[in-house]
Amino acid sequence: MSFRAKRKSKIVVLTAAMAAALSLAGCSLLPAEEAPLKPPLVKPPQENYRTVEVVKGRITQEIRGNGTLESFFTDTVQFKAGGGVVKEVLVKAGDIVKNGDPLIRLDTGNMDIELKQMELNLVRSGQALKSAKDAGDKDEIRVAQLQYDIDKLRHERLAAALTGKLLTAEMDGQVTYVAELKEGDAVREFETLVVVADPGKLRIAFQTDGSPDVSLVNVGSKAELTFTGNVLLEGKVTQTPSSAPYSDDPITKDRNAKMVFVELEKLPDDAEIGTRADVKVLLQERSDVIIIPRSGLRSYLGRTFVRILEEGDKIREVDVETGIKGSTDIEITKGLEEGMLIVLP
């Protein structure tokens, strides 16, 4: 083998060796495949319950409402001798009036002139009657007397009709209502146009809105009244729907069927007709009894029960019997003992 051939052979061998070395080095630079991670152990969630302890305490059943001070004595003022057309409204709500003060005047047309004419006729017939009596003629006296009686009757009737066109107060007091009227409006006979009330004797009236608990309200029941400024006063029920007096008036009858009236032992210093108050009437109360929140009581298919949390987070349903139902709590008369834990929804 010549020198050139030997040299070429060495180069080939050296190149192959270097390629093999680089190949091995490249393999060593690749990252090794990681082993798969095991999933973490997850503990099953533990259920949390909202609970409340069964306790003994005082419970009350109450009826609540918003009341307004009104007068014991009111008068509804109406035209009783016929209606007419409004000429002038002379008062507004809140005005103080005296017995006989004018309230509303109706249009009288020419009635005042007609009344003067009848007054003149009455004077003339009176003079004629006197002349007949002076003459002593019985027939003339009879005719003159009849004419005088006719003129007098006409005058009286027209005077009464004219007086009937003016609505006046029939008692001293404060105007609490005036119908929305303006000149030219027509009004009917016996239509309530003005209400006058005596501000010297006041009571609270509040509407029950058909609450079934109103049947438990009795005359003499205690009441608490809260006025503006958190002024707390006491009173007693003086009239309920069941104790209301009979009335033929449908408006009064309907009102009495919904209203409870409370008389206060003392009035606020600034009390007046229309002053509002929050009213609370005590219906029933008991002390040292088992009570739970009303939200803890459950009903299903005729059952009344609660859910009790026992040791080991065990839940047990217990049938119960109930007593007084308060606004937020309820009395349990059978089925529970003090210290038990009630599961709330």
C-alpha atoms as a PDB file:
ATOM      1  CA  MET A   1       0.000   0.000   0.000  1.00  0.00           C
ATOM      2  CA  SER A   2       1.342   3.370  -0.935  1.00  0.00           C
ATOM      3  CA  PHE A   3       1.744   6.240   1.486  1.00  0.00           C
ATOM      4  CA  ARG A   4      -1.199   8.113  -0.031  1.00  0.00           C
ATOM      5  CA  ALA A   5      -3.493   5.123   0.346  1.00  0.00           C
ATOM      6  CA  LYS A   6      -2.511   4.605   4.000  1.00  0.00           C
ATOM      7  CA  ARG A   7      -3.137   8.267   4.788  1.00  0.00           C
ATOM      8  CA  LYS A   8      -6.620   8.158   3.223  1.00  0.00           C
ATOM      9  CA  SER A   9      -7.520   5.043   5.175  1.00  0.00           C
ATOM     10  CA  LYS A  10      -6.554   6.717   8.486  1.00  0.00           C
ATOM     11  CA  ILE A  11      -8.737   9.746   7.697  1.00  0.00           C
ATOM     12  CA  VAL A  12     -11.758   7.530   7.017  1.00  0.00           C
ATOM     13  CA  VAL A  13     -11.304   5.622  10.276  1.00  0.00           C
ATOM     14  CA  LEU A  14     -10.826   8.846  12.259  1.00  0.00           C
ATOM     15  CA  THR A  15     -13.950  10.403  10.731  1.00  0.00           C
ATOM     16  CA  ALA A  16     -16.045   7.361  11.577  1.00  0.00           C
ATOM     17  CA  ALA A  17     -14.767   7.387  15.153  1.00  0.00           C
ATOM     18  CA  MET A  18     -15.593  11.060  15.594  1.00  0.00           C
ATOM     19  CA  ALA A  19     -19.110  10.542  14.201  1.00  0.00           C
ATOM     20  CA  ALA A  20     -19.693   7.694  16.620  1.00  0.00           C
ATOM     21  CA  ALA A  21     -18.456   9.794  19.541  1.00  0.00           C
ATOM     22  CA  LEU A  22     -20.697  12.720  18.614  1.00  0.00           C
ATOM     23  CA  SER A  23     -23.664  10.372  18.298  1.00  0.00           C
ATOM     24  CA  LEU A  24     -23.091   9.011  21.791  1.00  0.00           C
ATOM     25  CA  ALA A  25     -22.641  12.511  23.212  1.00  0.00           C
ATOM     26  CA  GLY A  26     -25.924  13.687  21.632  1.00  0.00           C
ATOM     27  CA  CYS A  27     -27.822  10.821  23.189  1.00  0.00           C
ATOM     28  CA  SER A  28     -26.479  11.687  26.601  1.00  0.00           C
ATOM     29  CA  LEU A  29     -27.806  15.299  26.272  1.00  0.00           C
ATOM     30  CA  LEU A  30     -31.507  14.200  25.842  1.00  0.00           C
ATOM     31  CA  PRO A  31     -33.539  14.363  29.089  1.00  0.00           C
ATOM     32  CA  ALA A  32     -34.422  11.098  30.667  1.00  0.00           C
ATOM     33  CA  GLU A  33     -38.183  10.213  30.594  1.00  0.00           C
ATOM     34  CA  GLU A  34     -39.858  11.049  33.957  1.00  0.00           C
ATOM     35  CA  ALA A  35     -41.915   8.499  35.834  1.00  0.00           C
ATOM     36  CA  PRO A  36     -45.728   9.331  36.002  1.00  0.00           C
ATOM     37  CA  LEU A  37     -46.858  11.179  39.216  1.00  0.00           C
ATOM     38  CA  LYS A  38     -49.324   9.470  41.514  1.00  0.00           C
ATOM     39  CA  PRO A  39     -52.612  11.450  42.107  1.00  0.00           C
ATOM     40  CA  PRO A  40     -52.866  13.121  45.560  1.00  0.00           C
ATOM     41  CA  LEU A  41     -55.082  11.539  48.146  1.00  0.00           C
ATOM     42  CA  VAL A  42     -58.322  13.573  48.574  1.00  0.00           C
ATOM     43  CA  LYS A  43     -60.341  13.284  51.761  1.00  0.00           C
ATOM     44  CA  PRO A  44     -64.096  13.125  51.270  1.00  0.00           C
ATOM     45  CA  PRO A  45     -65.746  16.487  52.172  1.00  0.00           C
ATOM     46  CA  GLN A  46     -67.260  16.693  55.622  1.00  0.00           C
ATOM     47  CA  GLU A  47     -70.815  18.112  55.614  1.00  0.00           C
ATOM     48  CA  ASN A  48     -71.332  21.186  57.784  1.00  0.00           C
ATOM     49  CA  TYR A  49     -74.713  21.821  59.407  1.00  0.00           C
ATOM     50  CA  ARG A  50     -76.189  25.062  60.639  1.00  0.00           C
ATOM     51  CA  THR A  51     -77.531  24.294  64.069  1.00  0.00           C
ATOM     52  CA  VAL A  52     -79.162  26.075  66.976  1.00  0.00           C
ATOM     53  CA  GLU A  53     -79.549  24.857  70.531  1.00  0.00           C
ATOM     54  CA  VAL A  54     -82.981  24.201  71.973  1.00  0.00           C
ATOM     55  CA  VAL A  55     -83.520  26.639  74.843  1.00  0.00           C
ATOM     56  CA  LYS A  56     -86.171  27.686  77.320  1.00  0.00           C
ATOM     57  CA  GLY A  57     -87.417  31.243  77.319  1.00  0.00           C
ATOM     58  CA  ARG A  58     -90.330  33.654  76.930  1.00  0.00           C
ATOM     59  CA  ILE A  59     -92.441  33.760  73.801  1.00  0.00           C
ATOM     60  CA  THR A  60     -95.204  36.126  72.761  1.00  0.00           C
ATOM     61  CA  GLN A  61     -97.771  36.207  69.990  1.00  0.00           C
ATOM     62  CA  GLU A  62     -98.554  39.707  68.765  1.00  0.00           C
ATOM     63  CA  ILE A  63    -100.456  41.530  66.098  1.00  0.00           C
ATOM     64  CA  ARG A  64     -98.772  44.578  64.600  1.00  0.00           C
ATOM     65  CA  GLY A  65     -99.860  47.477  62.449  1.00  0.00           C
ATOM     66  CA  ASN A  66     -99.545  51.172  61.680  1.00  0.00           C
ATOM     67  CA  GLY A  67    -102.081  53.327  63.464  1.00  0.00           C
ATOM     68  CA  THR A  68    -103.289  56.912  63.291  1.00  0.00           C
ATOM     69  CA  LEU A  69    -104.643  59.169  66.011  1.00  0.00           C
ATOM     70  CA  GLU A  70    -108.276  60.026  65.379  1.00  0.00           C
ATOM     71  CA  SER A  71    -111.068  61.593  67.387  1.00  0.00           C
ATOM     72  CA  PHE A  72    -113.602  59.655  69.417  1.00  0.00           C
ATOM     73  CA  PHE A  73    -116.261  62.064  68.160  1.00  0.00           C
ATOM     74  CA  THR A  74    -116.658  62.956  64.493  1.00  0.00           C
ATOM     75  CA  ASP A  75    -119.443  64.472  62.433  1.00  0.00           C
ATOM     76  CA  THR A  76    -119.958  63.856  58.731  1.00  0.00           C
ATOM     77  CA  VAL A  77    -121.492  66.988  57.220  1.00  0.00           C
ATOM     78  CA  GLN A  78    -123.877  66.620  54.268  1.00  0.00           C
ATOM     79  CA  PHE A  79    -126.521  68.585  52.407  1.00  0.00           C
ATOM     80  CA  LYS A  80    -129.796  67.104  53.645  1.00  0.00           C
ATOM     81  CA  ALA A  81    -132.326  69.278  51.771  1.00  0.00           C
ATOM     82  CA  GLY A  82    -131.129  68.485  48.262  1.00  0.00           C
ATOM     83  CA  GLY A  83    -127.960  68.844  46.241  1.00  0.00           C
ATOM     84  CA  GLY A  84    -126.830  71.547  43.888  1.00  0.00           C
ATOM     85  CA  VAL A  85    -123.877  73.224  42.214  1.00  0.00           C
ATOM     86  CA  VAL A  86    -120.875  74.349  44.260  1.00  0.00           C
ATOM     87  CA  LYS A  87    -120.373  78.092  44.492  1.00  0.00           C
ATOM     88  CA  GLU A  88    -117.574  78.234  47.084  1.00  0.00           C
ATOM     89  CA  VAL A  89    -115.622  75.901  49.408  1.00  0.00           C
ATOM     90  CA  LEU A  90    -114.881  77.863  52.580  1.00  0.00           C
ATOM     91  CA  VAL A  91    -112.672  75.469  54.601  1.00  0.00           C
ATOM     92  CA  LYS A  92    -109.770  73.071  54.202  1.00  0.00           C
ATOM     93  CA  ALA A  93    -108.484  70.083  56.182  1.00  0.00           C
ATOM     94  CA  GLY A  94    -106.874  71.190  59.432  1.00  0.00           C
ATOM     95  CA  ASP A  95    -109.062  74.266  59.958  1.00  0.00           C
ATOM     96  CA  ILE A  96    -110.631  74.803  63.390  1.00  0.00           C
ATOM     97  CA  VAL A  97    -114.358  75.567  63.199  1.00  0.00           C
ATOM     98  CA  LYS A  98    -117.194  76.449  65.572  1.00  0.00           C
ATOM     99  CA  ASN A  99    -120.738  75.139  65.546  1.00  0.00           C
ATOM    100  CA  GLY A 100    -122.611  77.026  62.823  1.00  0.00           C
ATOM    101  CA  ASP A 101    -119.567  78.138  60.834  1.00  0.00           C
ATOM    102  CA  PRO A 102    -120.105  78.019  57.030  1.00  0.00           C
ATOM    103  CA  LEU A 103    -118.269  75.219  55.198  1.00  0.00           C
ATOM    104  CA  ILE A 104    -119.558  75.035  51.607  1.00  0.00           C
ATOM    105  CA  ARG A 105    -121.922  77.349  49.731  1.00  0.00           C
ATOM    106  CA  LEU A 106    -124.004  76.231  46.746  1.00  0.00           C
ATOM    107  CA  ASP A 107    -125.136  78.413  43.863  1.00  0.00           C
ATOM    108  CA  THR A 108    -128.519  79.958  44.732  1.00  0.00           C
ATOM    109  CA  GLY A 109    -129.287  81.651  41.431  1.00  0.00           C
ATOM    110  CA  ASN A 110    -132.053  84.251  41.961  1.00  0.00           C
ATOM    111  CA  MET A 111    -133.379  82.665  45.127  1.00  0.00           C
ATOM    112  CA  ASP A 112    -132.355  85.670  47.247  1.00  0.00           C
ATOM    113  CA  ILE A 113    -134.334  88.059  45.029  1.00  0.00           C
ATOM    114  CA  GLU A 114    -137.313  85.691  45.004  1.00  0.00           C
ATOM    115  CA  LEU A 115    -137.187  85.550  48.776  1.00  0.00           C
ATOM    116  CA  LYS A 116    -137.306  89.356  48.990  1.00  0.00           C
ATOM    117  CA  GLN A 117    -140.293  89.377  46.638  1.00  0.00           C
ATOM    118  CA  MET A 118    -142.093  86.846  48.814  1.00  0.00           C
ATOM    119  CA  GLU A 119    -141.258  88.896  51.873  1.00  0.00           C
ATOM    120  CA  LEU A 120    -142.874  91.890  50.185  1.00  0.00           C
ATOM    121  CA  ASN A 121    -145.948  89.824  49.331  1.00  0.00           C
ATOM    122  CA  LEU A 122    -146.152  88.693  52.931  1.00  0.00           C
ATOM    123  CA  VAL A 123    -146.075  92.294  54.174  1.00  0.00           C
ATOM    124  CA  ARG A 124    -148.818  93.318  51.743  1.00  0.00           C
ATOM    125  CA  SER A 125    -151.038  90.388  52.620  1.00  0.00           C
ATOM    126  CA  GLY A 126    -150.496  91.194  56.273  1.00  0.00           C
ATOM    127  CA  GLN A 127    -151.646  94.761  55.697  1.00  0.00           C
ATOM    128  CA  ALA A 128    -154.680  93.500  53.786  1.00  0.00           C
ATOM    129  CA  LEU A 129    -155.565  91.183  56.641  1.00  0.00           C
ATOM    130  CA  LYS A 130    -155.331  94.031  59.138  1.00  0.00           C
ATOM    131  CA  SER A 131    -157.545  96.242  56.989  1.00  0.00           C
ATOM    132  CA  ALA A 132    -160.123  93.445  56.702  1.00  0.00           C
ATOM    133  CA  LYS A 133    -160.182  92.970  60.447  1.00  0.00           C
ATOM    134  CA  ASP A 134    -160.578  96.710  60.980  1.00  0.00           C
ATOM    135  CA  ALA A 135    -163.534  96.705  58.569  1.00  0.00           C
ATOM    136  CA  GLY A 136    -165.134  93.790  60.394  1.00  0.00           C
ATOM    137  CA  ASP A 137    -166.173  91.973  57.198  1.00  0.00           C
ATOM    138  CA  LYS A 138    -165.947  88.239  57.941  1.00  0.00           C
ATOM    139  CA  ASP A 139    -165.715  87.203  54.290  1.00  0.00           C
ATOM    140  CA  GLU A 140    -162.948  89.716  53.609  1.00  0.00           C
ATOM    141  CA  ILE A 141    -161.140  88.613  56.746  1.00  0.00           C
ATOM    142  CA  ARG A 142    -161.305  84.951  55.647  1.00  0.00           C
ATOM    143  CA  VAL A 143    -159.931  85.731  52.167  1.00  0.00           C
ATOM    144  CA  ALA A 144    -157.190  87.981  53.546  1.00  0.00           C
ATOM    145  CA  GLN A 145    -156.235  85.370  56.144  1.00  0.00           C
ATOM    146  CA  LEU A 146    -155.897  82.629  53.509  1.00  0.00           C
ATOM    147  CA  GLN A 147    -153.755  84.877  51.297  1.00  0.00           C
ATOM    148  CA  TYR A 148    -151.563  85.775  54.245  1.00  0.00           C
ATOM    149  CA  ASP A 149    -151.140  82.081  55.184  1.00  0.00           C
ATOM    150  CA  ILE A 150    -150.192  81.201  51.602  1.00  0.00           C
ATOM    151  CA  ASP A 151    -147.629  83.993  51.366  1.00  0.00           C
ATOM    152  CA  LYS A 152    -146.194  83.076  54.748  1.00  0.00           C
ATOM    153  CA  LEU A 153    -145.843  79.382  53.806  1.00  0.00           C
ATOM    154  CA  ARG A 154    -144.159  80.245  50.491  1.00  0.00           C
ATOM    155  CA  HIS A 155    -141.746  82.577  52.260  1.00  0.00           C
ATOM    156  CA  GLU A 156    -140.843  79.974  54.902  1.00  0.00           C
ATOM    157  CA  ARG A 157    -140.243  77.240  52.338  1.00  0.00           C
ATOM    158  CA  LEU A 158    -138.057  79.398  50.124  1.00  0.00           C
ATOM    159  CA  ALA A 159    -136.137  80.687  53.150  1.00  0.00           C
ATOM    160  CA  ALA A 160    -135.487  77.075  54.244  1.00  0.00           C
ATOM    161  CA  ALA A 161    -134.385  76.131  50.722  1.00  0.00           C
ATOM    162  CA  LEU A 162    -132.018  79.095  50.622  1.00  0.00           C
ATOM    163  CA  THR A 163    -130.604  78.206  54.038  1.00  0.00           C
ATOM    164  CA  GLY A 164    -130.136  74.622  52.816  1.00  0.00           C
ATOM    165  CA  LYS A 165    -127.738  75.863  50.150  1.00  0.00           C
ATOM    166  CA  LEU A 166    -125.177  76.672  52.859  1.00  0.00           C
ATOM    167  CA  LEU A 167    -123.425  73.759  54.595  1.00  0.00           C
ATOM    168  CA  THR A 168    -122.484  74.606  58.194  1.00  0.00           C
ATOM    169  CA  ALA A 169    -120.583  72.868  61.001  1.00  0.00           C
ATOM    170  CA  GLU A 170    -122.760  71.091  63.555  1.00  0.00           C
ATOM    171  CA  MET A 171    -120.104  70.912  66.295  1.00  0.00           C
ATOM    172  CA  ASP A 172    -116.913  72.597  67.431  1.00  0.00           C
ATOM    173  CA  GLY A 173    -113.792  70.833  66.193  1.00  0.00           C
ATOM    174  CA  GLN A 174    -111.142  70.381  63.525  1.00  0.00           C
ATOM    175  CA  VAL A 175    -111.851  69.751  59.862  1.00  0.00           C
ATOM    176  CA  THR A 176    -110.256  66.393  59.022  1.00  0.00           C
ATOM    177  CA  TYR A 177    -111.684  65.863  55.528  1.00  0.00           C
ATOM    178  CA  VAL A 178    -112.968  68.024  52.695  1.00  0.00           C
ATOM    179  CA  ALA A 179    -114.100  66.509  49.411  1.00  0.00           C
ATOM    180  CA  GLU A 180    -112.166  67.632  46.348  1.00  0.00           C
ATOM    181  CA  LEU A 181    -114.572  70.210  44.992  1.00  0.00           C
ATOM    182  CA  LYS A 182    -114.346  73.346  42.905  1.00  0.00           C
ATOM    183  CA  GLU A 183    -116.811  75.946  41.725  1.00  0.00           C
ATOM    184  CA  GLY A 184    -119.286  74.435  39.291  1.00  0.00           C
ATOM    185  CA  ASP A 185    -119.078  70.857  40.602  1.00  0.00           C
ATOM    186  CA  ALA A 186    -122.382  69.116  41.300  1.00  0.00           C
ATOM    187  CA  VAL A 187    -123.016  67.508  44.702  1.00  0.00           C
ATOM    188  CA  ARG A 188    -125.754  65.113  45.757  1.00  0.00           C
ATOM    189  CA  GLU A 189    -128.026  65.027  48.751  1.00  0.00           C
ATOM    190  CA  PHE A 190    -126.502  63.087  51.706  1.00  0.00           C
ATOM    191  CA  GLU A 191    -123.054  62.988  50.065  1.00  0.00           C
ATOM    192  CA  THR A 192    -120.303  63.329  52.708  1.00  0.00           C
ATOM    193  CA  LEU A 193    -118.463  66.535  51.874  1.00  0.00           C
ATOM    194  CA  VAL A 194    -116.794  67.541  55.158  1.00  0.00           C
ATOM    195  CA  VAL A 195    -115.806  65.692  58.345  1.00  0.00           C
ATOM    196  CA  VAL A 196    -115.351  67.598  61.599  1.00  0.00           C
ATOM    197  CA  ALA A 197    -113.699  65.917  64.608  1.00  0.00           C
ATOM    198  CA  ASP A 198    -113.219  66.819  68.257  1.00  0.00           C
ATOM    199  CA  PRO A 199    -109.423  67.056  68.815  1.00  0.00           C
ATOM    200  CA  GLY A 200    -109.802  66.955  72.595  1.00  0.00           C
ATOM    201  CA  LYS A 201    -110.430  63.185  72.816  1.00  0.00           C
ATOM    202  CA  LEU A 202    -108.157  60.998  70.676  1.00  0.00           C
ATOM    203  CA  ARG A 203    -107.595  57.284  70.114  1.00  0.00           C
ATOM    204  CA  ILE A 204    -105.458  55.128  67.850  1.00  0.00           C
ATOM    205  CA  ALA A 205    -107.116  53.340  64.942  1.00  0.00           C
ATOM    206  CA  PHE A 206    -105.214  50.713  62.976  1.00  0.00           C
ATOM    207  CA  GLN A 207    -106.240  48.349  60.217  1.00  0.00           C
ATOM    208  CA  THR A 208    -105.659  44.608  60.582  1.00  0.00           C
ATOM    209  CA  ASP A 209    -105.899  43.805  56.837  1.00  0.00           C
ATOM    210  CA  GLY A 210    -107.896  40.649  57.511  1.00  0.00           C
ATOM    211  CA  SER A 211    -105.224  38.952  59.651  1.00  0.00           C
ATOM    212  CA  PRO A 212    -106.622  35.720  61.174  1.00  0.00           C
ATOM    213  CA  ASP A 213    -104.960  36.646  64.481  1.00  0.00           C
ATOM    214  CA  VAL A 214    -107.370  39.566  64.883  1.00  0.00           C
ATOM    215  CA  SER A 215    -109.922  37.089  66.253  1.00  0.00           C
ATOM    216  CA  LEU A 216    -107.650  36.732  69.305  1.00  0.00           C
ATOM    217  CA  VAL A 217    -107.742  40.464  70.065  1.00  0.00           C
ATOM    218  CA  ASN A 218    -110.087  41.270  72.945  1.00  0.00           C
ATOM    219  CA  VAL A 219    -111.345  44.493  74.451  1.00  0.00           C
ATOM    220  CA  GLY A 220    -108.883  45.273  77.241  1.00  0.00           C
ATOM    221  CA  SER A 221    -105.858  43.655  75.538  1.00  0.00           C
ATOM    222  CA  LYS A 222    -102.591  45.469  76.222  1.00  0.00           C
ATOM    223  CA  ALA A 223    -101.050  47.511  73.431  1.00  0.00           C
ATOM    224  CA  GLU A 224     -97.696  49.194  72.945  1.00  0.00           C
ATOM    225  CA  LEU A 225     -97.462  52.254  70.701  1.00  0.00           C
ATOM    226  CA  THR A 226     -94.268  53.737  69.312  1.00  0.00           C
ATOM    227  CA  PHE A 227     -94.450  57.316  68.083  1.00  0.00           C
ATOM    228  CA  THR A 228     -91.880  59.404  66.206  1.00  0.00           C
ATOM    229  CA  GLY A 229     -88.668  59.735  68.197  1.00  0.00           C
ATOM    230  CA  ASN A 230     -89.090  56.241  69.704  1.00  0.00           C
ATOM    231  CA  VAL A 231     -91.647  57.539  72.205  1.00  0.00           C
ATOM    232  CA  LEU A 232     -93.110  54.334  73.710  1.00  0.00           C
ATOM    233  CA  LEU A 233     -96.553  54.519  75.327  1.00  0.00           C
ATOM    234  CA  GLU A 234     -99.068  51.976  76.572  1.00  0.00           C
ATOM    235  CA  GLY A 235    -102.743  51.615  75.866  1.00  0.00           C
ATOM    236  CA  LYS A 236    -105.673  49.217  75.864  1.00  0.00           C
ATOM    237  CA  VAL A 237    -107.902  47.929  73.087  1.00  0.00           C
ATOM    238  CA  THR A 238    -111.346  49.539  73.316  1.00  0.00           C
ATOM    239  CA  GLN A 239    -112.982  48.155  70.172  1.00  0.00           C
ATOM    240  CA  THR A 240    -112.389  45.177  67.867  1.00  0.00           C
ATOM    241  CA  PRO A 241    -114.199  43.992  64.732  1.00  0.00           C
ATOM    242  CA  SER A 242    -116.168  41.524  66.861  1.00  0.00           C
ATOM    243  CA  SER A 243    -117.161  44.139  69.474  1.00  0.00           C
ATOM    244  CA  ALA A 244    -118.023  46.967  67.056  1.00  0.00           C
ATOM    245  CA  PRO A 245    -121.554  48.370  67.380  1.00  0.00           C
ATOM    246  CA  TYR A 246    -124.047  47.571  64.642  1.00  0.00           C
ATOM    247  CA  SER A 247    -124.363  50.147  61.878  1.00  0.00           C
ATOM    248  CA  ASP A 248    -126.655  50.445  58.861  1.00  0.00           C
ATOM    249  CA  ASP A 249    -124.108  52.646  57.110  1.00  0.00           C
ATOM    250  CA  PRO A 250    -122.129  50.369  54.726  1.00  0.00           C
ATOM    251  CA  ILE A 251    -119.000  52.542  54.952  1.00  0.00           C
ATOM    252  CA  THR A 252    -118.980  52.486  58.769  1.00  0.00           C
ATOM    253  CA  LYS A 253    -119.797  48.780  58.786  1.00  0.00           C
ATOM    254  CA  ASP A 254    -116.910  47.952  56.448  1.00  0.00           C
ATOM    255  CA  ARG A 255    -114.498  50.118  58.439  1.00  0.00           C
ATOM    256  CA  ASN A 256    -115.432  48.547  61.775  1.00  0.00           C
ATOM    257  CA  ALA A 257    -114.878  45.082  60.292  1.00  0.00           C
ATOM    258  CA  LYS A 258    -111.194  45.911  59.685  1.00  0.00           C
ATOM    259  CA  MET A 259    -110.230  48.316  62.458  1.00  0.00           C
ATOM    260  CA  VAL A 260    -108.948  47.917  66.009  1.00  0.00           C
ATOM    261  CA  PHE A 261    -109.160  50.951  68.295  1.00  0.00           C
ATOM    262  CA  VAL A 262    -106.760  51.617  71.174  1.00  0.00           C
ATOM    263  CA  GLU A 263    -107.155  54.186  73.946  1.00  0.00           C
ATOM    264  CA  LEU A 264    -103.915  55.550  75.386  1.00  0.00           C
ATOM    265  CA  GLU A 265    -103.242  56.174  79.053  1.00  0.00           C
ATOM    266  CA  LYS A 266    -101.233  59.230  78.007  1.00  0.00           C
ATOM    267  CA  LEU A 267    -100.768  61.091  74.737  1.00  0.00           C
ATOM    268  CA  PRO A 268     -97.480  62.461  73.361  1.00  0.00           C
ATOM    269  CA  ASP A 269     -96.983  66.169  73.979  1.00  0.00           C
ATOM    270  CA  ASP A 270     -97.265  66.933  70.263  1.00  0.00           C
ATOM    271  CA  ALA A 271    -100.186  64.582  69.607  1.00  0.00           C
ATOM    272  CA  GLU A 272    -102.774  65.719  67.092  1.00  0.00           C
ATOM    273  CA  ILE A 273    -105.288  64.197  64.727  1.00  0.00           C
ATOM    274  CA  GLY A 274    -103.375  62.284  62.042  1.00  0.00           C
ATOM    275  CA  THR A 275    -100.250  61.541  64.123  1.00  0.00           C
ATOM    276  CA  ARG A 276     -98.980  58.061  63.214  1.00  0.00           C
ATOM    277  CA  ALA A 277     -97.645  55.292  65.461  1.00  0.00           C
ATOM    278  CA  ASP A 278     -96.474  51.681  65.246  1.00  0.00           C
ATOM    279  CA  VAL A 279     -98.910  49.480  67.173  1.00  0.00           C
ATOM    280  CA  LYS A 280     -98.241  46.145  68.861  1.00  0.00           C
ATOM    281  CA  VAL A 281    -101.069  44.278  70.598  1.00  0.00           C
ATOM    282  CA  LEU A 282    -100.111  41.378  72.874  1.00  0.00           C
ATOM    283  CA  LEU A 283    -102.255  38.302  72.201  1.00  0.00           C
ATOM    284  CA  GLN A 284    -100.540  35.535  74.214  1.00  0.00           C
ATOM    285  CA  GLU A 285     -97.343  35.046  76.193  1.00  0.00           C
ATOM    286  CA  ARG A 286     -95.638  32.224  78.075  1.00  0.00           C
ATOM    287  CA  SER A 287     -92.392  32.022  80.029  1.00  0.00           C
ATOM    288  CA  ASP A 288     -89.913  29.185  80.692  1.00  0.00           C
ATOM    289  CA  VAL A 289     -91.043  27.122  77.705  1.00  0.00           C
ATOM    290  CA  ILE A 290     -89.134  25.272  74.970  1.00  0.00           C
ATOM    291  CA  ILE A 291     -88.648  27.531  71.949  1.00  0.00           C
ATOM    292  CA  ILE A 292     -86.872  27.152  68.611  1.00  0.00           C
ATOM    293  CA  PRO A 293     -86.581  29.346  65.508  1.00  0.00           C
ATOM    294  CA  ARG A 294     -89.589  29.002  63.217  1.00  0.00           C
ATOM    295  CA  SER A 295     -87.188  28.206  60.375  1.00  0.00           C
ATOM    296  CA  GLY A 296     -86.189  24.996  62.172  1.00  0.00           C
ATOM    297  CA  LEU A 297     -89.707  23.566  62.036  1.00  0.00           C
ATOM    298  CA  ARG A 298     -90.491  21.337  59.053  1.00  0.00           C
ATOM    299  CA  SER A 299     -93.714  19.931  57.622  1.00  0.00           C
ATOM    300  CA  TYR A 300     -94.175  17.104  55.149  1.00  0.00           C
ATOM    301  CA  LEU A 301     -97.191  14.954  54.308  1.00  0.00           C
ATOM    302  CA  GLY A 302     -99.028  16.009  57.430  1.00  0.00           C
ATOM    303  CA  ARG A 303     -96.027  15.580  59.726  1.00  0.00           C
ATOM    304  CA  THR A 304     -94.585  18.372  61.843  1.00  0.00           C
ATOM    305  CA  PHE A 305     -91.006  17.600  62.790  1.00  0.00           C
ATOM    306  CA  VAL A 306     -87.476  18.875  63.319  1.00  0.00           C
ATOM    307  CA  ARG A 307     -84.078  17.441  62.436  1.00  0.00           C
ATOM    308  CA  ILE A 308     -81.777  16.756  65.382  1.00  0.00           C
ATOM    309  CA  LEU A 309     -77.968  16.551  65.141  1.00  0.00           C
ATOM    310  CA  GLU A 310     -76.636  13.755  67.355  1.00  0.00           C
ATOM    311  CA  GLU A 311     -73.135  12.511  68.199  1.00  0.00           C
ATOM    312  CA  GLY A 312     -71.146  11.331  65.213  1.00  0.00           C
ATOM    313  CA  ASP A 313     -72.887  13.832  62.958  1.00  0.00           C
ATOM    314  CA  LYS A 314     -75.964  11.663  62.775  1.00  0.00           C
ATOM    315  CA  ILE A 315     -79.258  13.255  61.800  1.00  0.00           C
ATOM    316  CA  ARG A 316     -82.541  12.134  63.345  1.00  0.00           C
ATOM    317  CA  GLU A 317     -86.046  13.391  62.625  1.00  0.00           C
ATOM    318  CA  VAL A 318     -88.266  14.019  65.644  1.00  0.00           C
ATOM    319  CA  ASP A 319     -92.016  14.670  65.479  1.00  0.00           C
ATOM    320  CA  VAL A 320     -93.102  17.633  67.608  1.00  0.00           C
ATOM    321  CA  GLU A 321     -96.188  19.482  68.786  1.00  0.00           C
ATOM    322  CA  THR A 322     -96.322  23.268  68.756  1.00  0.00           C
ATOM    323  CA  GLY A 323     -97.842  26.029  70.875  1.00  0.00           C
ATOM    324  CA  ILE A 324     -97.557  29.805  70.556  1.00  0.00           C
ATOM    325  CA  LYS A 325     -96.257  31.059  67.224  1.00  0.00           C
ATOM    326  CA  GLY A 326     -94.160  34.200  67.646  1.00  0.00           C
ATOM    327  CA  SER A 327     -92.835  36.448  64.903  1.00  0.00           C
ATOM    328  CA  THR A 328     -89.473  34.591  64.756  1.00  0.00           C
ATOM    329  CA  ASP A 329     -89.731  31.740  67.287  1.00  0.00           C
ATOM    330  CA  ILE A 330     -92.227  28.995  68.021  1.00  0.00           C
ATOM    331  CA  GLU A 331     -93.086  27.112  71.189  1.00  0.00           C
ATOM    332  CA  ILE A 332     -92.563  23.332  71.218  1.00  0.00           C
ATOM    333  CA  THR A 333     -94.904  21.624  73.679  1.00  0.00           C
ATOM    334  CA  LYS A 334     -93.852  18.032  72.990  1.00  0.00           C
ATOM    335  CA  GLY A 335     -90.921  16.222  71.378  1.00  0.00           C
ATOM    336  CA  LEU A 336     -87.830  18.261  72.328  1.00  0.00           C
ATOM    337  CA  GLU A 337     -85.650  18.840  75.359  1.00  0.00           C
ATOM    338  CA  GLU A 338     -83.442  21.748  76.305  1.00  0.00           C
ATOM    339  CA  GLY A 339     -79.889  21.429  74.939  1.00  0.00           C
ATOM    340  CA  MET A 340     -80.696  19.472  71.773  1.00  0.00           C
ATOM    341  CA  LEU A 341     -79.237  20.767  68.514  1.00  0.00           C
ATOM    342  CA  ILE A 342     -81.722  21.667  65.783  1.00  0.00           C
ATOM    343  CA  VAL A 343     -80.516  21.502  62.177  1.00  0.00           C
ATOM    344  CA  LEU A 344     -81.601  24.586  60.273  1.00  0.00           C
ATOM    345  CA  PRO A 345     -82.304  24.615  56.530  1.00  0.00           C
END
